N, C-alpha and C. Protein backbone atom coordinates (compact mmCIF):
# COMPACT_ATOMS: atom_id res chain seq x y z
N MET A 1 -12.25 97.30 63.22
CA MET A 1 -11.07 97.23 61.64
C MET A 1 -10.57 96.28 61.18
N ASN A 2 -10.74 95.65 59.50
CA ASN A 2 -10.30 95.01 59.05
C ASN A 2 -8.80 94.46 59.45
N ARG A 3 -8.99 93.27 58.61
CA ARG A 3 -7.26 92.28 59.75
C ARG A 3 -6.51 93.25 58.45
N PHE A 4 -6.57 93.56 56.92
CA PHE A 4 -5.29 94.15 56.48
C PHE A 4 -5.20 95.51 57.04
N ALA A 5 -5.74 96.39 57.56
CA ALA A 5 -6.20 97.48 57.90
C ALA A 5 -5.20 97.21 59.07
N TYR A 6 -5.34 96.27 59.74
CA TYR A 6 -5.17 96.62 61.31
C TYR A 6 -3.66 96.02 61.59
N LYS A 7 -2.87 94.66 60.51
CA LYS A 7 -1.76 94.72 59.93
C LYS A 7 -1.02 95.79 60.12
N HIS A 8 -1.54 96.66 58.53
CA HIS A 8 -0.82 98.36 58.38
C HIS A 8 -0.55 99.17 59.26
N TRP A 9 -1.27 98.63 60.37
CA TRP A 9 -1.36 99.25 61.58
C TRP A 9 0.00 99.41 62.31
N VAL A 10 -0.31 97.80 62.57
CA VAL A 10 0.36 97.29 63.53
C VAL A 10 2.22 97.46 62.53
N ARG A 11 2.49 97.37 61.20
CA ARG A 11 3.81 98.12 61.17
C ARG A 11 3.78 99.14 60.82
N ALA A 12 2.86 99.97 60.45
CA ALA A 12 3.45 101.46 61.23
C ALA A 12 3.58 101.81 62.67
N ILE A 13 3.12 101.36 63.75
CA ILE A 13 3.59 101.75 64.33
C ILE A 13 4.88 100.99 64.86
N VAL A 14 4.86 99.58 64.73
CA VAL A 14 6.67 99.63 65.05
C VAL A 14 7.69 100.20 64.06
N ILE A 15 7.14 100.53 63.05
CA ILE A 15 8.64 101.77 62.13
C ILE A 15 8.75 102.76 62.91
N PHE A 16 7.15 103.33 63.99
CA PHE A 16 7.43 103.87 64.56
C PHE A 16 8.51 104.04 65.15
N THR A 17 8.17 103.22 66.23
CA THR A 17 9.05 102.60 67.29
C THR A 17 10.68 102.65 67.15
N ASN A 18 10.78 101.71 66.15
CA ASN A 18 12.12 101.06 66.24
C ASN A 18 13.43 102.99 65.72
N ILE A 19 12.39 103.72 65.42
CA ILE A 19 12.84 104.96 64.15
C ILE A 19 13.05 106.15 65.67
N PHE A 20 12.07 106.04 66.77
CA PHE A 20 11.94 106.61 67.66
C PHE A 20 13.06 105.94 68.51
N LEU A 21 13.17 105.14 69.07
CA LEU A 21 14.45 104.35 69.63
C LEU A 21 15.59 104.47 69.33
N VAL A 22 15.90 104.48 67.65
CA VAL A 22 17.14 104.86 67.87
C VAL A 22 17.51 105.95 67.61
N SER A 23 16.36 107.37 67.12
CA SER A 23 16.67 108.10 66.79
C SER A 23 16.47 109.26 68.75
N CYS A 24 16.08 109.08 69.55
CA CYS A 24 15.83 109.81 70.23
C CYS A 24 16.98 109.27 71.33
N ALA A 25 17.62 109.69 71.98
CA ALA A 25 17.33 109.42 73.84
C ALA A 25 17.99 107.92 73.74
N THR A 26 18.28 107.51 73.04
CA THR A 26 19.04 105.33 72.70
C THR A 26 20.62 105.74 73.02
N VAL A 27 21.35 105.14 73.81
CA VAL A 27 23.18 105.18 73.53
C VAL A 27 23.38 103.48 73.10
N SER A 28 24.33 103.79 71.96
CA SER A 28 24.72 102.43 71.77
C SER A 28 25.47 102.08 71.76
N LYS A 29 27.04 100.65 71.66
CA LYS A 29 27.80 101.10 72.05
C LYS A 29 28.68 101.55 70.97
N VAL A 30 28.49 102.68 69.98
CA VAL A 30 29.10 103.22 68.91
C VAL A 30 29.11 104.54 69.77
N HIS A 31 28.54 104.81 70.33
CA HIS A 31 28.54 106.32 71.92
C HIS A 31 29.86 106.35 72.96
N PRO A 32 29.93 107.29 73.38
CA PRO A 32 30.42 107.23 74.74
C PRO A 32 29.73 106.88 75.15
N PRO A 33 30.20 105.76 76.65
CA PRO A 33 29.52 104.86 77.16
C PRO A 33 29.30 106.42 79.28
N PHE A 34 29.54 107.48 79.02
CA PHE A 34 29.49 108.47 79.41
C PHE A 34 29.17 109.91 78.63
N ARG A 35 28.36 110.36 79.09
CA ARG A 35 27.86 111.60 79.16
C ARG A 35 29.23 112.53 78.93
N ASN A 36 30.03 112.59 80.51
CA ASN A 36 30.85 113.44 80.32
C ASN A 36 32.22 112.55 79.50
N GLU A 37 31.55 112.08 78.75
CA GLU A 37 32.68 112.28 77.76
C GLU A 37 33.13 111.95 76.11
N ASN A 38 31.41 112.79 76.28
CA ASN A 38 31.44 113.49 75.05
C ASN A 38 32.70 114.62 74.20
N GLY A 39 33.12 114.33 72.68
CA GLY A 39 34.05 115.00 72.35
C GLY A 39 35.56 114.51 73.18
N THR A 40 35.60 114.02 73.90
CA THR A 40 36.41 113.99 75.18
C THR A 40 37.90 113.37 73.66
N LEU A 41 38.97 113.05 73.85
CA LEU A 41 39.66 112.71 72.85
C LEU A 41 40.57 110.61 74.18
N ARG A 42 40.25 109.62 73.47
CA ARG A 42 40.37 108.34 74.05
C ARG A 42 41.60 107.55 72.95
N VAL A 43 42.38 106.96 73.66
CA VAL A 43 43.90 106.11 73.51
C VAL A 43 42.97 105.21 73.14
N ALA A 44 43.10 104.16 72.74
CA ALA A 44 42.47 101.95 72.27
C ALA A 44 43.03 101.47 71.53
N GLN A 45 43.68 100.25 71.68
CA GLN A 45 44.51 99.63 70.91
C GLN A 45 43.28 98.76 69.92
N VAL A 46 43.63 98.35 68.77
CA VAL A 46 42.18 97.91 67.57
C VAL A 46 42.17 96.35 68.24
N MET A 47 41.16 96.03 68.48
CA MET A 47 41.17 94.87 68.80
C MET A 47 40.61 94.02 67.81
N GLN A 48 39.27 94.96 66.46
CA GLN A 48 38.68 94.11 65.76
C GLN A 48 38.27 94.99 64.98
N LEU A 49 38.18 94.10 63.40
CA LEU A 49 37.71 95.00 62.68
C LEU A 49 36.76 94.57 62.00
N ALA A 50 35.38 94.95 61.69
CA ALA A 50 34.28 94.53 61.04
C ALA A 50 33.89 94.71 59.68
N THR A 51 33.50 93.88 59.12
CA THR A 51 33.17 93.66 57.75
C THR A 51 31.63 94.37 57.54
N ARG A 52 31.63 94.99 56.07
CA ARG A 52 30.33 95.71 55.79
C ARG A 52 28.95 94.75 56.45
N GLN A 53 28.84 93.04 56.48
CA GLN A 53 28.10 92.26 56.38
C GLN A 53 27.78 92.34 58.10
N GLU A 54 28.97 92.15 58.45
CA GLU A 54 28.96 92.23 59.82
C GLU A 54 28.39 93.54 60.80
N ILE A 55 28.71 95.01 59.61
CA ILE A 55 28.00 96.15 60.92
C ILE A 55 25.98 96.20 59.85
N ILE A 56 26.35 95.85 59.11
CA ILE A 56 24.76 95.79 58.55
C ILE A 56 24.13 94.82 59.73
N GLY A 57 25.00 93.73 60.29
CA GLY A 57 23.75 93.04 61.15
C GLY A 57 23.76 93.15 62.24
N LEU A 58 24.74 94.36 62.56
CA LEU A 58 24.53 94.76 63.82
C LEU A 58 23.30 95.02 64.35
N GLY A 59 22.67 95.21 63.91
CA GLY A 59 20.76 95.88 63.97
C GLY A 59 20.72 97.40 64.37
N VAL A 60 20.45 97.63 65.50
CA VAL A 60 20.72 99.32 66.40
C VAL A 60 21.46 99.66 65.95
N HIS A 61 23.01 99.11 66.30
CA HIS A 61 24.47 99.51 65.69
C HIS A 61 24.38 100.44 64.67
N TYR A 62 23.84 100.02 63.41
CA TYR A 62 23.79 100.55 62.10
C TYR A 62 23.29 101.65 61.83
N LYS A 63 21.89 101.27 62.42
CA LYS A 63 21.18 102.52 62.91
C LYS A 63 21.34 103.65 63.63
N HIS A 64 22.64 103.57 64.46
CA HIS A 64 23.34 104.60 64.83
C HIS A 64 24.12 105.15 63.91
N LEU A 65 24.31 104.32 63.35
CA LEU A 65 25.24 104.88 62.90
C LEU A 65 25.03 105.72 61.27
N LEU A 66 23.68 105.35 60.68
CA LEU A 66 23.33 106.24 59.43
C LEU A 66 22.37 107.07 60.30
N ALA A 67 22.10 107.50 61.82
CA ALA A 67 21.17 108.16 62.10
C ALA A 67 22.58 109.68 62.59
N SER A 68 23.49 109.44 62.66
CA SER A 68 24.22 110.02 62.98
C SER A 68 25.00 110.42 61.75
N GLY A 69 24.32 110.24 60.71
CA GLY A 69 24.88 110.99 59.00
C GLY A 69 25.91 110.24 58.65
N ILE A 70 25.88 109.49 58.99
CA ILE A 70 26.98 108.27 58.40
C ILE A 70 26.17 107.75 56.51
N LYS A 71 26.68 108.12 56.03
CA LYS A 71 26.03 107.39 54.52
C LYS A 71 26.49 105.98 54.94
N ASP A 72 25.46 105.50 54.31
CA ASP A 72 25.50 103.71 54.63
C ASP A 72 26.73 103.17 52.89
N SER A 73 27.17 104.23 52.26
CA SER A 73 28.13 103.47 51.04
C SER A 73 29.26 103.90 51.94
N ASP A 74 28.95 104.48 52.87
CA ASP A 74 30.71 104.67 53.04
C ASP A 74 30.91 104.28 54.77
N LEU A 75 29.77 102.37 54.80
CA LEU A 75 30.15 101.79 55.81
C LEU A 75 30.76 100.59 55.13
N ARG A 76 31.91 100.97 54.97
CA ARG A 76 32.24 98.97 54.05
C ARG A 76 33.38 97.98 55.04
N ASP A 77 34.01 97.12 54.41
CA ASP A 77 34.98 96.84 55.42
C ASP A 77 35.81 97.07 56.57
N ARG A 78 35.86 97.15 57.04
CA ARG A 78 37.28 97.61 58.28
C ARG A 78 36.32 98.79 58.72
N SER A 79 35.56 99.55 58.52
CA SER A 79 34.68 100.87 58.80
C SER A 79 34.35 101.11 60.30
N LEU A 80 34.12 99.76 61.31
CA LEU A 80 33.81 99.55 61.92
C LEU A 80 34.66 99.12 62.64
N ALA A 81 34.95 99.44 64.23
CA ALA A 81 36.09 98.47 64.90
C ALA A 81 36.30 98.72 66.08
N VAL A 82 36.47 97.82 67.23
CA VAL A 82 36.58 97.54 68.52
C VAL A 82 37.83 98.03 69.20
N GLY A 83 38.39 99.30 70.22
CA GLY A 83 39.27 99.11 71.22
C GLY A 83 39.12 98.57 72.22
N ARG A 84 40.15 97.76 73.06
CA ARG A 84 40.15 97.67 74.51
C ARG A 84 41.21 99.15 75.08
N VAL A 85 40.69 99.37 75.99
CA VAL A 85 40.95 100.14 76.81
C VAL A 85 41.46 99.66 78.05
N TYR A 86 41.27 98.78 78.43
CA TYR A 86 41.88 97.99 79.64
C TYR A 86 42.60 96.36 79.15
N CYS A 87 43.24 96.96 79.81
CA CYS A 87 44.19 95.28 78.92
C CYS A 87 44.32 94.57 80.31
N CYS A 88 44.61 92.80 79.90
CA CYS A 88 44.22 91.78 78.87
C CYS A 88 43.63 90.81 79.10
N GLY A 89 42.32 90.59 78.99
CA GLY A 89 41.61 89.97 79.55
C GLY A 89 40.55 90.25 80.51
N GLY A 90 39.17 89.60 80.69
CA GLY A 90 38.97 89.65 81.99
C GLY A 90 37.74 89.92 81.18
N PRO A 91 36.53 90.35 82.30
CA PRO A 91 35.37 91.46 81.96
C PRO A 91 35.24 93.14 81.94
N PRO A 92 36.26 93.41 82.33
CA PRO A 92 36.82 94.85 81.64
C PRO A 92 37.40 95.64 79.99
N GLU A 93 37.95 94.38 79.73
CA GLU A 93 38.41 94.05 78.52
C GLU A 93 37.51 94.63 77.63
N GLU A 94 36.26 93.56 77.99
CA GLU A 94 35.16 93.59 76.38
C GLU A 94 34.62 94.20 77.24
N GLY A 95 33.77 94.01 78.43
CA GLY A 95 32.73 95.68 78.63
C GLY A 95 32.74 96.91 78.60
N MET A 96 34.23 97.33 78.88
CA MET A 96 34.25 98.82 78.45
C MET A 96 35.43 99.01 77.05
N ALA A 97 35.63 98.27 76.17
CA ALA A 97 35.31 97.84 74.96
C ALA A 97 35.04 99.11 74.24
N ILE A 98 35.61 100.40 73.46
CA ILE A 98 34.98 101.81 72.66
C ILE A 98 35.19 100.54 70.98
N TRP A 99 33.49 101.36 70.55
CA TRP A 99 33.23 100.57 69.27
C TRP A 99 33.06 102.17 68.34
N PHE A 100 34.44 101.91 67.54
CA PHE A 100 33.99 103.76 66.35
C PHE A 100 34.55 103.71 65.29
N TYR A 101 34.20 104.22 64.44
CA TYR A 101 34.12 104.54 63.13
C TYR A 101 35.24 105.01 62.32
N VAL A 102 35.37 104.15 61.15
CA VAL A 102 37.17 104.64 60.87
C VAL A 102 36.30 104.91 59.77
N PRO A 103 36.82 106.68 59.34
CA PRO A 103 36.50 106.96 57.69
C PRO A 103 37.61 107.02 56.60
N GLU A 104 36.96 107.01 55.72
CA GLU A 104 37.94 106.04 54.42
C GLU A 104 39.38 107.03 54.64
N GLY A 105 39.76 106.52 54.07
CA GLY A 105 41.07 107.38 54.22
C GLY A 105 42.48 107.66 55.32
N LEU A 106 41.62 106.30 56.44
CA LEU A 106 42.38 106.07 58.06
C LEU A 106 42.51 104.60 57.38
N THR A 107 43.69 104.27 57.99
CA THR A 107 44.35 102.82 57.92
C THR A 107 44.39 102.26 59.14
N ILE A 108 43.69 100.82 59.66
CA ILE A 108 43.49 100.97 60.72
C ILE A 108 44.36 99.48 60.65
N ASP A 109 44.91 98.53 61.61
CA ASP A 109 44.92 97.55 61.82
C ASP A 109 44.76 97.06 62.91
N ILE A 110 45.09 95.52 63.43
CA ILE A 110 44.69 94.81 64.65
C ILE A 110 46.47 94.90 65.60
N GLY A 111 45.87 95.80 66.49
CA GLY A 111 47.26 95.73 67.55
C GLY A 111 47.74 97.32 67.01
N ASP A 112 46.61 97.98 66.27
CA ASP A 112 47.98 99.08 66.17
C ASP A 112 46.65 99.80 67.74
N ILE A 113 47.28 101.17 67.91
CA ILE A 113 46.93 101.72 68.38
C ILE A 113 46.44 103.07 68.32
N VAL A 114 44.92 103.22 68.89
CA VAL A 114 45.03 104.91 67.64
C VAL A 114 44.00 105.60 68.38
N GLU A 115 44.18 106.76 67.96
CA GLU A 115 43.23 107.98 69.31
C GLU A 115 41.87 107.91 68.33
N ILE A 116 40.58 108.05 69.51
CA ILE A 116 39.94 107.80 69.33
C ILE A 116 38.91 109.55 69.53
N ARG A 117 38.07 110.42 68.80
CA ARG A 117 37.65 111.81 69.48
C ARG A 117 36.10 110.76 69.69
N MET A 118 35.23 110.69 70.83
CA MET A 118 34.22 109.83 71.50
C MET A 118 33.28 110.98 70.75
N GLY A 119 32.37 110.06 70.65
CA GLY A 119 30.94 111.33 69.33
C GLY A 119 29.83 111.79 71.23
N ARG A 120 29.10 111.84 70.65
CA ARG A 120 28.00 112.50 71.64
C ARG A 120 26.96 111.76 71.91
N GLN A 121 26.37 111.57 72.91
CA GLN A 121 25.13 110.55 73.15
C GLN A 121 24.18 111.81 72.87
N PRO A 122 23.40 110.36 72.14
CA PRO A 122 21.26 110.90 71.84
C PRO A 122 21.06 111.49 72.18
N SER A 123 20.78 112.59 72.75
CA SER A 123 19.25 113.05 73.47
C SER A 123 18.16 113.49 72.82
N LYS A 124 16.80 113.63 73.73
CA LYS A 124 15.56 113.88 72.81
C LYS A 124 15.88 113.96 71.52
N CYS A 125 15.66 114.55 71.18
CA CYS A 125 15.29 113.90 69.25
C CYS A 125 17.34 114.38 68.20
N ASP A 126 17.61 114.70 69.12
CA ASP A 126 19.53 113.98 68.47
C ASP A 126 19.62 113.35 68.52
N PRO A 127 20.10 112.84 67.32
CA PRO A 127 21.07 111.25 67.18
C PRO A 127 22.49 111.17 67.30
N GLY A 128 22.83 112.12 68.31
CA GLY A 128 24.23 111.89 68.49
C GLY A 128 25.07 111.90 67.89
N ALA A 129 26.19 111.61 68.41
CA ALA A 129 27.80 111.06 67.04
C ALA A 129 28.39 110.13 67.96
N VAL A 130 28.53 109.20 66.63
CA VAL A 130 29.42 107.91 66.77
C VAL A 130 30.94 108.29 67.61
N ASN A 131 31.75 107.37 68.09
CA ASN A 131 32.58 107.76 68.24
C ASN A 131 33.35 107.12 66.97
N THR A 132 34.77 107.91 66.37
CA THR A 132 35.05 108.18 65.55
C THR A 132 36.75 108.25 65.22
N ALA A 133 36.94 107.00 64.83
CA ALA A 133 39.39 107.07 65.16
C ALA A 133 39.55 108.31 64.57
N VAL A 134 40.71 109.53 64.68
CA VAL A 134 41.54 110.88 64.91
C VAL A 134 42.49 110.31 63.98
N GLN A 135 42.93 109.54 64.47
CA GLN A 135 44.52 108.83 64.36
C GLN A 135 45.49 107.80 63.64
N VAL A 136 46.30 107.03 63.93
CA VAL A 136 46.74 106.19 64.34
C VAL A 136 48.33 106.70 65.30
N ARG A 137 47.90 106.45 66.94
CA ARG A 137 48.93 106.70 67.48
C ARG A 137 50.35 106.43 67.71
N GLN A 138 50.66 104.77 66.92
CA GLN A 138 51.56 104.01 66.95
C GLN A 138 51.10 102.24 66.26
N LYS A 139 51.83 101.91 65.41
CA LYS A 139 51.50 101.00 64.87
C LYS A 139 52.14 99.55 65.69
N LYS A 140 50.80 98.29 64.85
CA LYS A 140 50.86 97.31 65.67
C LYS A 140 52.57 96.61 66.15
N ASP A 141 53.69 96.71 65.39
CA ASP A 141 54.87 96.05 65.39
C ASP A 141 55.91 97.13 65.78
N ASP A 142 55.46 98.37 66.55
CA ASP A 142 56.48 99.19 66.84
C ASP A 142 56.27 99.27 68.27
N VAL A 143 56.89 97.73 68.50
CA VAL A 143 56.71 97.97 70.35
C VAL A 143 58.15 98.09 70.62
N ASN A 144 58.87 99.38 70.55
CA ASN A 144 59.28 99.91 71.45
C ASN A 144 58.99 101.69 71.28
N GLY A 145 57.68 102.17 70.59
CA GLY A 145 56.78 102.70 70.49
C GLY A 145 56.57 103.96 71.62
N PRO A 146 56.09 105.02 71.72
CA PRO A 146 55.49 105.77 73.17
C PRO A 146 54.73 105.10 73.77
N CYS A 147 53.39 104.30 73.43
CA CYS A 147 52.61 104.18 74.26
C CYS A 147 52.42 102.52 74.49
N ARG A 148 52.35 102.21 76.10
CA ARG A 148 52.48 101.12 76.68
C ARG A 148 51.00 100.69 77.97
N TRP A 149 51.11 99.24 78.21
CA TRP A 149 50.08 99.30 79.67
C TRP A 149 50.94 99.51 80.14
N ILE A 150 49.82 100.51 81.44
CA ILE A 150 50.16 100.69 82.60
C ILE A 150 49.70 99.52 83.85
N PRO A 151 49.54 98.98 84.68
CA PRO A 151 51.80 99.20 85.14
C PRO A 151 51.68 97.53 84.48
N PRO A 152 53.04 97.78 84.08
CA PRO A 152 53.70 96.73 82.51
C PRO A 152 53.41 95.23 83.09
N ASP A 153 52.85 94.51 84.26
CA ASP A 153 52.94 93.07 84.94
C ASP A 153 51.78 92.29 84.20
N PRO A 154 51.84 91.17 82.91
CA PRO A 154 50.48 90.81 82.34
C PRO A 154 48.98 90.57 83.05
N LYS A 155 50.09 90.32 84.32
CA LYS A 155 49.39 89.26 84.51
C LYS A 155 47.78 90.11 85.10
N LEU A 156 47.75 91.32 85.18
CA LEU A 156 47.04 92.32 85.69
C LEU A 156 45.91 92.88 84.67
N TRP A 157 44.31 92.26 84.80
CA TRP A 157 43.42 92.61 83.95
C TRP A 157 43.21 94.21 83.77
N MET A 158 43.37 94.66 84.44
CA MET A 158 43.40 96.95 84.27
C MET A 158 44.10 97.67 83.89
N ARG A 159 44.91 96.80 83.45
CA ARG A 159 46.01 98.24 82.95
C ARG A 159 45.50 99.27 81.74
N VAL A 160 45.87 99.66 82.12
CA VAL A 160 45.45 101.38 80.98
C VAL A 160 46.35 101.38 80.11
N LEU A 161 46.09 102.26 79.35
CA LEU A 161 46.87 102.87 77.45
C LEU A 161 47.71 103.86 78.50
N TYR A 162 48.72 104.36 78.38
CA TYR A 162 49.88 105.72 78.51
C TYR A 162 50.78 105.62 77.68
N CYS A 163 50.58 107.06 77.06
CA CYS A 163 51.41 107.02 75.78
C CYS A 163 52.19 108.52 76.08
N ASP A 164 53.76 108.57 76.27
CA ASP A 164 54.84 108.94 76.77
C ASP A 164 54.05 111.45 76.64
N TRP A 165 53.77 110.96 75.15
CA TRP A 165 53.55 112.66 74.64
C TRP A 165 51.66 113.24 75.45
N MET A 166 51.13 112.07 75.93
CA MET A 166 49.93 112.43 77.14
C MET A 166 49.99 113.67 77.22
N GLU A 167 51.06 114.00 78.80
CA GLU A 167 50.68 115.05 79.64
C GLU A 167 51.06 116.21 78.43
N LYS A 168 52.25 115.88 78.34
CA LYS A 168 52.58 117.15 77.23
C LYS A 168 51.32 117.80 76.33
N GLU A 169 50.67 117.31 75.52
CA GLU A 169 49.43 116.90 74.76
C GLU A 169 47.87 117.31 75.16
N GLY A 170 48.71 117.63 76.87
CA GLY A 170 47.17 118.11 77.71
C GLY A 170 45.96 117.31 77.81
N TRP A 171 46.72 115.65 77.82
CA TRP A 171 45.67 114.60 78.30
C TRP A 171 45.51 113.93 79.66
N ILE A 172 45.01 114.53 80.40
CA ILE A 172 44.96 113.73 81.89
C ILE A 172 44.56 112.90 82.67
N GLU A 173 44.75 112.50 83.59
CA GLU A 173 44.44 110.98 83.78
C GLU A 173 43.31 111.19 84.56
N LYS A 174 41.69 110.09 84.63
CA LYS A 174 41.36 110.01 85.46
C LYS A 174 40.72 108.79 86.56
N GLY A 175 40.61 108.85 87.12
CA GLY A 175 40.60 108.63 87.94
C GLY A 175 39.86 107.94 88.93
N GLY A 176 39.21 107.00 89.59
CA GLY A 176 38.51 106.20 89.83
C GLY A 176 38.36 105.41 89.66
N ARG A 177 36.79 104.36 89.47
CA ARG A 177 36.81 102.37 89.12
C ARG A 177 37.45 102.41 87.57
N GLN A 178 36.70 103.27 86.74
CA GLN A 178 37.08 103.26 85.08
C GLN A 178 38.44 104.28 85.21
N LYS A 179 39.36 103.99 85.77
CA LYS A 179 40.19 104.60 84.75
C LYS A 179 41.18 104.85 84.10
N THR A 180 41.51 105.83 83.68
CA THR A 180 42.28 106.27 82.01
C THR A 180 42.99 107.28 81.77
N TRP A 181 43.39 107.92 80.79
CA TRP A 181 44.14 108.99 79.84
C TRP A 181 42.50 110.00 79.35
N LEU A 182 42.58 110.85 79.50
CA LEU A 182 42.24 111.55 79.00
C LEU A 182 42.38 113.11 77.59
N LYS A 183 41.59 112.79 76.99
CA LYS A 183 41.94 114.63 76.77
C LYS A 183 41.09 115.12 77.08
N PRO A 184 40.27 116.66 77.30
CA PRO A 184 39.06 116.69 76.89
C PRO A 184 38.39 118.13 75.94
N ALA A 185 36.95 117.77 76.02
CA ALA A 185 36.51 118.45 74.24
C ALA A 185 37.01 119.63 74.51
N PRO A 186 37.90 120.08 73.29
CA PRO A 186 37.92 121.33 73.50
C PRO A 186 36.69 122.43 73.81
N ALA A 187 36.51 124.13 74.70
CA ALA A 187 35.85 124.33 75.39
C ALA A 187 34.92 125.25 73.87
N LYS A 188 33.44 125.30 74.05
CA LYS A 188 32.53 125.76 72.84
C LYS A 188 32.79 126.83 72.39
N GLY A 189 33.25 127.11 71.55
CA GLY A 189 33.67 128.44 70.91
C GLY A 189 35.21 127.65 70.83
N GLY A 190 35.58 127.76 71.08
CA GLY A 190 37.55 127.28 71.42
C GLY A 190 38.01 126.36 70.51
N HIS A 191 39.13 126.18 70.40
CA HIS A 191 39.95 125.44 69.01
C HIS A 191 39.72 124.32 69.85
């Protein structure tokens, strides 16, 4: 095989490998961290909003956004966010933060508490679905709103978001090491 053909063969393998890794069973931060959270609702406090340039620079995460059906033209400034589900500081805050897509028409700011529909982890050759913001549940300036960090001790790292409306709306408390509140995905065929 001559040098020119070899170069093109190697390039084709690299491109195929990248497409395969992105579209077949690869999980990124824009997907739910656990398969049993596919489709559930979660709440998070917005920590960061990315610019379009930062989104494009995310490499594999950018490819996952595109593979899930989001158009490149929909990836604008502030269309990707990071939300904390544990407060405030320490490894749990960064390690368990949720990355999510913010659809056009939904305006969020750093400090807002948002409801997020968790996506679906990729499997086999299903590109999955990315986590997506559904609505703002409390604006950052609403200090007396229904959402707060529990327990209220600001020195603790593993505080969890709780909102007064959760139990009434069917949210459940998940225990264990990753304690949190979530609303299960509707049953297939249900509403």
